[in-house]
Amino acid sequence: METVPTENALLGGRVRLLQPSRGYRVAVDAVLLAAAIDAAGGQRVLDLGAGVGAVGLCLAARVPDCTILGIELQPELAGLAVRNAILNGAEHRMRTIVHDLAHPLPPDITGFDHVATNPPYLSAAVADPSPNASKALATVESSADLARWLGVAVAALKPSGSLTVIHRRDRLEEIVTHLAALDWGDVTVKHLPPAARILLRARRSSAPARRTSSPLVLHRPEGGYTDDAEAILRHAAPLAF
């Protein structure tokens, strides 16, 4: 990773973001995930795989007074997340720690109202990792696979809490199966055409149930974002399930 990051903006300039100039860079997935978290003021949110803190920063810009804890494997990215919280005046309610999800979370990291996560999309068995080590860690499962990632997520939630995930559409059945085995099988799915992505919200239930909400169409046929996508990506609108 280069020592001098770039500064970019999200949510139409509401969020300032330092990120590596090469390697894994924040995409619209982080903004969509933040918009889909059904958080309210005073609630606690855990961001698993926080990177440079984009999800937490976008959520903090939309929801006053919620607090966000980020968990990140890579110390360099976690360091940028801390700097980004300060840059955006959110350091009093955003914190990031370095931790490998292959190991149990510290015992005090529990009882969250919401967990949000953008796990590595690719299984190590099928991936062709980037030659950039940081990007490879962000995009390909390593010490914690998808099952482990989801298990850690639901264990950190209150029984009444919610888990919000963005992932590849072709891994939806795998995600739903893992969540059902964890007794978090009450699932709502939102597709994001034309992107091969899904957003998923899960709640605790021993009886699996799946609903599909109306899709969020991201792009117009002639190019450019739709009005609904622009409202979320540029104007910090919530993403309704």
C-alpha atoms as a PDB file:
ATOM      1  CA  MET A   1       0.000   0.000   0.000  1.00  0.00           C
ATOM      2  CA  GLU A   2       1.301   3.467  -0.872  1.00  0.00           C
ATOM      3  CA  THR A   3       1.852   5.779   2.075  1.00  0.00           C
ATOM      4  CA  VAL A   4       0.015   8.778   0.564  1.00  0.00           C
ATOM      5  CA  PRO A   5      -3.732   8.098   0.183  1.00  0.00           C
ATOM      6  CA  THR A   6      -6.136   9.926  -2.076  1.00  0.00           C
ATOM      7  CA  GLU A   7      -9.038  11.965  -0.734  1.00  0.00           C
ATOM      8  CA  ASN A   8     -12.407  11.327  -2.336  1.00  0.00           C
ATOM      9  CA  ALA A   9     -16.017  12.215  -1.577  1.00  0.00           C
ATOM     10  CA  LEU A  10     -19.210  10.192  -1.063  1.00  0.00           C
ATOM     11  CA  LEU A  11     -22.861  11.210  -0.771  1.00  0.00           C
ATOM     12  CA  GLY A  12     -22.441  14.302  -2.893  1.00  0.00           C
ATOM     13  CA  GLY A  13     -19.614  15.608  -0.721  1.00  0.00           C
ATOM     14  CA  ARG A  14     -21.240  14.935   2.648  1.00  0.00           C
ATOM     15  CA  VAL A  15     -18.493  12.404   3.392  1.00  0.00           C
ATOM     16  CA  ARG A  16     -14.758  12.922   2.864  1.00  0.00           C
ATOM     17  CA  LEU A  17     -12.802   9.709   2.423  1.00  0.00           C
ATOM     18  CA  LEU A  18      -9.091   8.916   2.548  1.00  0.00           C
ATOM     19  CA  GLN A  19      -8.308   5.629   0.833  1.00  0.00           C
ATOM     20  CA  PRO A  20      -5.327   3.844  -0.729  1.00  0.00           C
ATOM     21  CA  SER A  21      -4.373   5.205  -4.120  1.00  0.00           C
ATOM     22  CA  ARG A  22      -3.957   1.623  -5.346  1.00  0.00           C
ATOM     23  CA  GLY A  23      -5.511  -1.670  -4.346  1.00  0.00           C
ATOM     24  CA  TYR A  24      -9.033  -2.012  -3.000  1.00  0.00           C
ATOM     25  CA  ARG A  25     -11.029   1.208  -3.393  1.00  0.00           C
ATOM     26  CA  VAL A  26     -14.485   2.024  -2.112  1.00  0.00           C
ATOM     27  CA  ALA A  27     -17.312   1.392  -4.581  1.00  0.00           C
ATOM     28  CA  VAL A  28     -21.061   2.039  -4.534  1.00  0.00           C
ATOM     29  CA  ASP A  29     -21.581  -1.216  -2.613  1.00  0.00           C
ATOM     30  CA  ALA A  30     -20.502   0.467   0.631  1.00  0.00           C
ATOM     31  CA  VAL A  31     -22.913   3.370   0.098  1.00  0.00           C
ATOM     32  CA  LEU A  32     -25.807   1.023  -0.705  1.00  0.00           C
ATOM     33  CA  LEU A  33     -25.079  -1.106   2.357  1.00  0.00           C
ATOM     34  CA  ALA A  34     -25.037   1.939   4.629  1.00  0.00           C
ATOM     35  CA  ALA A  35     -28.317   3.172   3.154  1.00  0.00           C
ATOM     36  CA  ALA A  36     -29.954  -0.201   3.843  1.00  0.00           C
ATOM     37  CA  ILE A  37     -29.180  -0.245   7.594  1.00  0.00           C
ATOM     38  CA  ASP A  38     -32.436   0.475   9.401  1.00  0.00           C
ATOM     39  CA  ALA A  39     -30.753   2.328  12.263  1.00  0.00           C
ATOM     40  CA  ALA A  40     -32.092   5.054  14.511  1.00  0.00           C
ATOM     41  CA  GLY A  41     -30.454   7.599  16.771  1.00  0.00           C
ATOM     42  CA  GLY A  42     -28.974   6.077  19.900  1.00  0.00           C
ATOM     43  CA  GLN A  43     -28.562   2.617  18.396  1.00  0.00           C
ATOM     44  CA  ARG A  44     -25.287   0.691  18.137  1.00  0.00           C
ATOM     45  CA  VAL A  45     -24.056  -0.639  14.791  1.00  0.00           C
ATOM     46  CA  LEU A  46     -21.220  -3.087  14.094  1.00  0.00           C
ATOM     47  CA  ASP A  47     -19.502  -2.934  10.694  1.00  0.00           C
ATOM     48  CA  LEU A  48     -17.662  -6.180   9.947  1.00  0.00           C
ATOM     49  CA  GLY A  49     -14.922  -5.734   7.378  1.00  0.00           C
ATOM     50  CA  ALA A  50     -14.936  -1.968   7.792  1.00  0.00           C
ATOM     51  CA  GLY A  51     -12.049  -1.151   5.446  1.00  0.00           C
ATOM     52  CA  VAL A  52     -11.447   2.602   5.555  1.00  0.00           C
ATOM     53  CA  GLY A  53     -14.795   3.197   7.276  1.00  0.00           C
ATOM     54  CA  ALA A  54     -16.991   4.132   4.290  1.00  0.00           C
ATOM     55  CA  VAL A  55     -20.097   2.297   5.527  1.00  0.00           C
ATOM     56  CA  GLY A  56     -19.899   3.826   8.991  1.00  0.00           C
ATOM     57  CA  LEU A  57     -19.237   7.313   7.648  1.00  0.00           C
ATOM     58  CA  CYS A  58     -22.216   7.172   5.278  1.00  0.00           C
ATOM     59  CA  LEU A  59     -24.445   5.867   8.057  1.00  0.00           C
ATOM     60  CA  ALA A  60     -23.228   8.550  10.474  1.00  0.00           C
ATOM     61  CA  ALA A  61     -24.028  11.222   7.883  1.00  0.00           C
ATOM     62  CA  ARG A  62     -27.607   9.928   7.544  1.00  0.00           C
ATOM     63  CA  VAL A  63     -28.454   8.936  11.133  1.00  0.00           C
ATOM     64  CA  PRO A  64     -27.513  11.395  13.880  1.00  0.00           C
ATOM     65  CA  ASP A  65     -26.441   9.965  17.242  1.00  0.00           C
ATOM     66  CA  CYS A  66     -26.005   6.318  16.265  1.00  0.00           C
ATOM     67  CA  THR A  67     -22.616   4.830  17.179  1.00  0.00           C
ATOM     68  CA  ILE A  68     -20.559   2.592  14.908  1.00  0.00           C
ATOM     69  CA  LEU A  69     -17.806   0.109  15.703  1.00  0.00           C
ATOM     70  CA  GLY A  70     -15.755  -1.115  12.762  1.00  0.00           C
ATOM     71  CA  ILE A  71     -13.821  -4.394  12.698  1.00  0.00           C
ATOM     72  CA  GLU A  72     -11.031  -4.587  10.122  1.00  0.00           C
ATOM     73  CA  LEU A  73      -8.339  -7.185   9.444  1.00  0.00           C
ATOM     74  CA  GLN A  74      -5.804  -4.883   7.785  1.00  0.00           C
ATOM     75  CA  PRO A  75      -4.092  -2.401  10.128  1.00  0.00           C
ATOM     76  CA  GLU A  76      -3.369   0.059   7.313  1.00  0.00           C
ATOM     77  CA  LEU A  77      -7.048   0.289   6.365  1.00  0.00           C
ATOM     78  CA  ALA A  78      -8.142   0.494   9.991  1.00  0.00           C
ATOM     79  CA  GLY A  79      -5.710   3.387  10.465  1.00  0.00           C
ATOM     80  CA  LEU A  80      -7.329   5.226   7.567  1.00  0.00           C
ATOM     81  CA  ALA A  81     -10.763   4.535   9.067  1.00  0.00           C
ATOM     82  CA  VAL A  82      -9.660   6.267  12.266  1.00  0.00           C
ATOM     83  CA  ARG A  83      -8.335   9.224  10.279  1.00  0.00           C
ATOM     84  CA  ASN A  84     -11.562   9.366   8.256  1.00  0.00           C
ATOM     85  CA  ALA A  85     -13.686   9.534  11.403  1.00  0.00           C
ATOM     86  CA  ILE A  86     -11.651  12.555  12.537  1.00  0.00           C
ATOM     87  CA  LEU A  87     -11.765  14.120   9.063  1.00  0.00           C
ATOM     88  CA  ASN A  88     -15.572  13.964   9.150  1.00  0.00           C
ATOM     89  CA  GLY A  89     -15.988  15.054  12.767  1.00  0.00           C
ATOM     90  CA  ALA A  90     -17.385  11.646  13.723  1.00  0.00           C
ATOM     91  CA  GLU A  91     -14.625  10.387  16.027  1.00  0.00           C
ATOM     92  CA  HIS A  92     -16.889  10.691  19.079  1.00  0.00           C
ATOM     93  CA  ARG A  93     -19.213   8.005  17.681  1.00  0.00           C
ATOM     94  CA  MET A  94     -17.060   5.963  15.313  1.00  0.00           C
ATOM     95  CA  ARG A  95     -14.322   3.569  16.411  1.00  0.00           C
ATOM     96  CA  THR A  96     -12.348   0.960  14.448  1.00  0.00           C
ATOM     97  CA  ILE A  97     -10.315  -1.934  15.825  1.00  0.00           C
ATOM     98  CA  VAL A  98      -8.035  -4.444  14.136  1.00  0.00           C
ATOM     99  CA  HIS A  99      -9.250  -8.026  14.484  1.00  0.00           C
ATOM    100  CA  ASP A 100      -9.219 -11.272  12.499  1.00  0.00           C
ATOM    101  CA  LEU A 101     -12.720 -12.772  12.333  1.00  0.00           C
ATOM    102  CA  ALA A 102     -11.172 -16.241  12.408  1.00  0.00           C
ATOM    103  CA  HIS A 103     -10.876 -15.595  16.149  1.00  0.00           C
ATOM    104  CA  PRO A 104     -13.713 -14.832  18.588  1.00  0.00           C
ATOM    105  CA  LEU A 105     -14.621 -11.207  19.069  1.00  0.00           C
ATOM    106  CA  PRO A 106     -13.657  -9.681  22.416  1.00  0.00           C
ATOM    107  CA  PRO A 107     -16.413 -10.468  24.955  1.00  0.00           C
ATOM    108  CA  ASP A 108     -17.539  -6.845  25.241  1.00  0.00           C
ATOM    109  CA  ILE A 109     -18.346  -6.660  21.509  1.00  0.00           C
ATOM    110  CA  THR A 110     -21.922  -7.873  21.703  1.00  0.00           C
ATOM    111  CA  GLY A 111     -25.500  -6.673  22.003  1.00  0.00           C
ATOM    112  CA  PHE A 112     -25.608  -4.575  18.818  1.00  0.00           C
ATOM    113  CA  ASP A 113     -28.859  -3.322  17.328  1.00  0.00           C
ATOM    114  CA  HIS A 114     -27.538  -3.813  13.797  1.00  0.00           C
ATOM    115  CA  VAL A 115     -24.639  -5.552  12.104  1.00  0.00           C
ATOM    116  CA  ALA A 116     -23.688  -4.583   8.553  1.00  0.00           C
ATOM    117  CA  THR A 117     -21.170  -6.411   6.444  1.00  0.00           C
ATOM    118  CA  ASN A 118     -19.665  -6.478   2.981  1.00  0.00           C
ATOM    119  CA  PRO A 119     -17.686  -9.744   3.180  1.00  0.00           C
ATOM    120  CA  PRO A 120     -15.095 -10.775   0.601  1.00  0.00           C
ATOM    121  CA  TYR A 121     -17.170 -11.827  -2.381  1.00  0.00           C
ATOM    122  CA  LEU A 122     -15.019 -14.686  -3.665  1.00  0.00           C
ATOM    123  CA  SER A 123     -14.356 -18.093  -2.182  1.00  0.00           C
ATOM    124  CA  ALA A 124     -10.662 -18.938  -2.046  1.00  0.00           C
ATOM    125  CA  ALA A 125     -11.404 -22.155  -3.966  1.00  0.00           C
ATOM    126  CA  VAL A 126     -12.508 -20.299  -7.111  1.00  0.00           C
ATOM    127  CA  ALA A 127     -10.782 -16.921  -6.902  1.00  0.00           C
ATOM    128  CA  ASP A 128      -7.951 -15.547  -8.980  1.00  0.00           C
ATOM    129  CA  PRO A 129      -6.584 -13.135  -6.370  1.00  0.00           C
ATOM    130  CA  SER A 130      -5.336  -9.670  -7.240  1.00  0.00           C
ATOM    131  CA  PRO A 131      -1.530  -9.309  -7.174  1.00  0.00           C
ATOM    132  CA  ASN A 132      -2.147  -6.423  -4.775  1.00  0.00           C
ATOM    133  CA  ALA A 133      -2.127  -8.107  -1.351  1.00  0.00           C
ATOM    134  CA  SER A 134      -4.470  -5.595   0.285  1.00  0.00           C
ATOM    135  CA  LYS A 135      -7.051  -5.893  -2.503  1.00  0.00           C
ATOM    136  CA  ALA A 136      -6.794  -9.684  -2.411  1.00  0.00           C
ATOM    137  CA  LEU A 137      -7.569  -9.727   1.323  1.00  0.00           C
ATOM    138  CA  ALA A 138     -10.578  -7.451   0.769  1.00  0.00           C
ATOM    139  CA  THR A 139     -12.061  -9.453  -2.100  1.00  0.00           C
ATOM    140  CA  VAL A 140     -11.146 -13.118  -1.445  1.00  0.00           C
ATOM    141  CA  GLU A 141     -12.005 -15.150   1.663  1.00  0.00           C
ATOM    142  CA  SER A 142      -8.930 -15.940   3.705  1.00  0.00           C
ATOM    143  CA  SER A 143      -8.793 -16.752   7.410  1.00  0.00           C
ATOM    144  CA  ALA A 144     -12.589 -16.477   7.794  1.00  0.00           C
ATOM    145  CA  ASP A 145     -14.896 -17.981   5.172  1.00  0.00           C
ATOM    146  CA  LEU A 146     -18.488 -16.904   4.547  1.00  0.00           C
ATOM    147  CA  ALA A 147     -19.988 -19.280   7.127  1.00  0.00           C
ATOM    148  CA  ARG A 148     -17.611 -18.003   9.798  1.00  0.00           C
ATOM    149  CA  TRP A 149     -18.250 -14.391   8.824  1.00  0.00           C
ATOM    150  CA  LEU A 150     -22.035 -14.781   9.177  1.00  0.00           C
ATOM    151  CA  GLY A 151     -21.689 -16.688  12.439  1.00  0.00           C
ATOM    152  CA  VAL A 152     -19.648 -13.895  13.984  1.00  0.00           C
ATOM    153  CA  ALA A 153     -22.163 -11.327  12.720  1.00  0.00           C
ATOM    154  CA  VAL A 154     -25.278 -12.868  14.256  1.00  0.00           C
ATOM    155  CA  ALA A 155     -23.494 -13.694  17.524  1.00  0.00           C
ATOM    156  CA  ALA A 156     -22.824  -9.958  18.012  1.00  0.00           C
ATOM    157  CA  LEU A 157     -26.498  -8.994  17.634  1.00  0.00           C
ATOM    158  CA  LYS A 158     -29.266  -8.522  20.136  1.00  0.00           C
ATOM    159  CA  PRO A 159     -32.018 -11.149  19.662  1.00  0.00           C
ATOM    160  CA  SER A 160     -34.183  -8.356  18.246  1.00  0.00           C
ATOM    161  CA  GLY A 161     -31.423  -6.978  16.016  1.00  0.00           C
ATOM    162  CA  SER A 162     -30.957  -7.082  12.266  1.00  0.00           C
ATOM    163  CA  LEU A 163     -28.149  -8.185   9.959  1.00  0.00           C
ATOM    164  CA  THR A 164     -27.667  -6.386   6.634  1.00  0.00           C
ATOM    165  CA  VAL A 165     -25.390  -7.936   4.001  1.00  0.00           C
ATOM    166  CA  ILE A 166     -24.367  -7.012   0.473  1.00  0.00           C
ATOM    167  CA  HIS A 167     -22.940  -9.830  -1.602  1.00  0.00           C
ATOM    168  CA  ARG A 168     -22.840 -11.530  -4.975  1.00  0.00           C
ATOM    169  CA  ARG A 169     -26.190 -12.740  -6.300  1.00  0.00           C
ATOM    170  CA  ASP A 170     -24.769 -16.159  -7.132  1.00  0.00           C
ATOM    171  CA  ARG A 171     -24.019 -16.808  -3.433  1.00  0.00           C
ATOM    172  CA  LEU A 172     -27.517 -16.001  -2.197  1.00  0.00           C
ATOM    173  CA  GLU A 173     -28.535 -19.616  -1.572  1.00  0.00           C
ATOM    174  CA  GLU A 174     -25.334 -20.232   0.360  1.00  0.00           C
ATOM    175  CA  ILE A 175     -25.988 -17.200   2.563  1.00  0.00           C
ATOM    176  CA  VAL A 176     -29.614 -18.160   3.212  1.00  0.00           C
ATOM    177  CA  THR A 177     -28.609 -21.723   4.125  1.00  0.00           C
ATOM    178  CA  HIS A 178     -25.979 -20.549   6.596  1.00  0.00           C
ATOM    179  CA  LEU A 179     -28.380 -18.089   8.220  1.00  0.00           C
ATOM    180  CA  ALA A 180     -31.119 -20.704   8.579  1.00  0.00           C
ATOM    181  CA  ALA A 181     -28.642 -23.000  10.350  1.00  0.00           C
ATOM    182  CA  LEU A 182     -27.866 -20.132  12.740  1.00  0.00           C
ATOM    183  CA  ASP A 183     -31.594 -19.523  13.453  1.00  0.00           C
ATOM    184  CA  TRP A 184     -31.477 -16.222  11.597  1.00  0.00           C
ATOM    185  CA  GLY A 185     -33.586 -17.447   8.717  1.00  0.00           C
ATOM    186  CA  ASP A 186     -36.118 -14.592   8.434  1.00  0.00           C
ATOM    187  CA  VAL A 187     -34.655 -13.059   5.285  1.00  0.00           C
ATOM    188  CA  THR A 188     -35.631 -10.249   2.925  1.00  0.00           C
ATOM    189  CA  VAL A 189     -33.734  -9.929  -0.352  1.00  0.00           C
ATOM    190  CA  LYS A 190     -33.409  -6.920  -2.640  1.00  0.00           C
ATOM    191  CA  HIS A 191     -31.873  -7.246  -6.100  1.00  0.00           C
ATOM    192  CA  LEU A 192     -29.819  -4.434  -7.625  1.00  0.00           C
ATOM    193  CA  PRO A 193     -30.081  -4.760 -11.418  1.00  0.00           C
ATOM    194  CA  PRO A 194     -28.098  -4.664 -13.572  1.00  0.00           C
ATOM    195  CA  ALA A 195     -25.402  -5.356 -10.937  1.00  0.00           C
ATOM    196  CA  ALA A 196     -24.879  -9.004  -9.982  1.00  0.00           C
ATOM    197  CA  ARG A 197     -25.358  -8.047  -6.327  1.00  0.00           C
ATOM    198  CA  ILE A 198     -28.024  -8.497  -3.687  1.00  0.00           C
ATOM    199  CA  LEU A 199     -28.799  -6.766  -0.432  1.00  0.00           C
ATOM    200  CA  LEU A 200     -30.131  -9.029   2.292  1.00  0.00           C
ATOM    201  CA  ARG A 201     -31.642  -8.269   5.690  1.00  0.00           C
ATOM    202  CA  ALA A 202     -31.944 -11.086   8.217  1.00  0.00           C
ATOM    203  CA  ARG A 203     -33.698 -11.327  11.577  1.00  0.00           C
ATOM    204  CA  ARG A 204     -33.711 -14.034  14.216  1.00  0.00           C
ATOM    205  CA  SER A 205     -36.139 -16.867  13.521  1.00  0.00           C
ATOM    206  CA  SER A 206     -35.994 -20.630  13.829  1.00  0.00           C
ATOM    207  CA  ALA A 207     -38.590 -20.917  11.046  1.00  0.00           C
ATOM    208  CA  PRO A 208     -36.964 -19.935   7.724  1.00  0.00           C
ATOM    209  CA  ALA A 209     -38.901 -17.407   5.672  1.00  0.00           C
ATOM    210  CA  ARG A 210     -37.799 -15.548   2.588  1.00  0.00           C
ATOM    211  CA  ARG A 211     -39.279 -12.470   0.975  1.00  0.00           C
ATOM    212  CA  THR A 212     -38.146 -10.561  -2.090  1.00  0.00           C
ATOM    213  CA  SER A 213     -38.688  -6.816  -2.005  1.00  0.00           C
ATOM    214  CA  SER A 214     -38.988  -4.682  -5.111  1.00  0.00           C
ATOM    215  CA  PRO A 215     -35.602  -4.277  -6.809  1.00  0.00           C
ATOM    216  CA  LEU A 216     -33.545  -1.108  -6.804  1.00  0.00           C
ATOM    217  CA  VAL A 217     -32.645  -0.514 -10.447  1.00  0.00           C
ATOM    218  CA  LEU A 218     -29.274   1.218 -10.459  1.00  0.00           C
ATOM    219  CA  HIS A 219     -28.789   2.259 -14.085  1.00  0.00           C
ATOM    220  CA  ARG A 220     -30.938   3.674 -16.854  1.00  0.00           C
ATOM    221  CA  PRO A 221     -30.921   1.757 -20.171  1.00  0.00           C
ATOM    222  CA  GLU A 222     -29.294   4.754 -21.843  1.00  0.00           C
ATOM    223  CA  GLY A 223     -26.674   5.046 -19.086  1.00  0.00           C
ATOM    224  CA  GLY A 224     -26.363   6.916 -15.801  1.00  0.00           C
ATOM    225  CA  TYR A 225     -28.003   6.240 -12.468  1.00  0.00           C
ATOM    226  CA  THR A 226     -31.756   6.119 -12.023  1.00  0.00           C
ATOM    227  CA  ASP A 227     -33.457   8.769  -9.897  1.00  0.00           C
ATOM    228  CA  ASP A 228     -33.887   6.271  -7.040  1.00  0.00           C
ATOM    229  CA  ALA A 229     -30.202   5.340  -7.147  1.00  0.00           C
ATOM    230  CA  GLU A 230     -29.163   9.008  -7.304  1.00  0.00           C
ATOM    231  CA  ALA A 231     -31.253   9.783  -4.223  1.00  0.00           C
ATOM    232  CA  ILE A 232     -29.302   7.146  -2.278  1.00  0.00           C
ATOM    233  CA  LEU A 233     -25.834   7.617  -3.734  1.00  0.00           C
ATOM    234  CA  ARG A 234     -25.776  11.427  -3.961  1.00  0.00           C
ATOM    235  CA  HIS A 235     -28.365  12.666  -1.468  1.00  0.00           C
ATOM    236  CA  ALA A 236     -28.086  10.177   1.443  1.00  0.00           C
ATOM    237  CA  ALA A 237     -31.638   8.833   1.118  1.00  0.00           C
ATOM    238  CA  PRO A 238     -32.362   5.572   2.986  1.00  0.00           C
ATOM    239  CA  LEU A 239     -32.763   2.390   0.978  1.00  0.00           C
ATOM    240  CA  ALA A 240     -36.149   0.888   1.799  1.00  0.00           C
ATOM    241  CA  PHE A 241     -36.681  -2.853   2.020  1.00  0.00           C
END
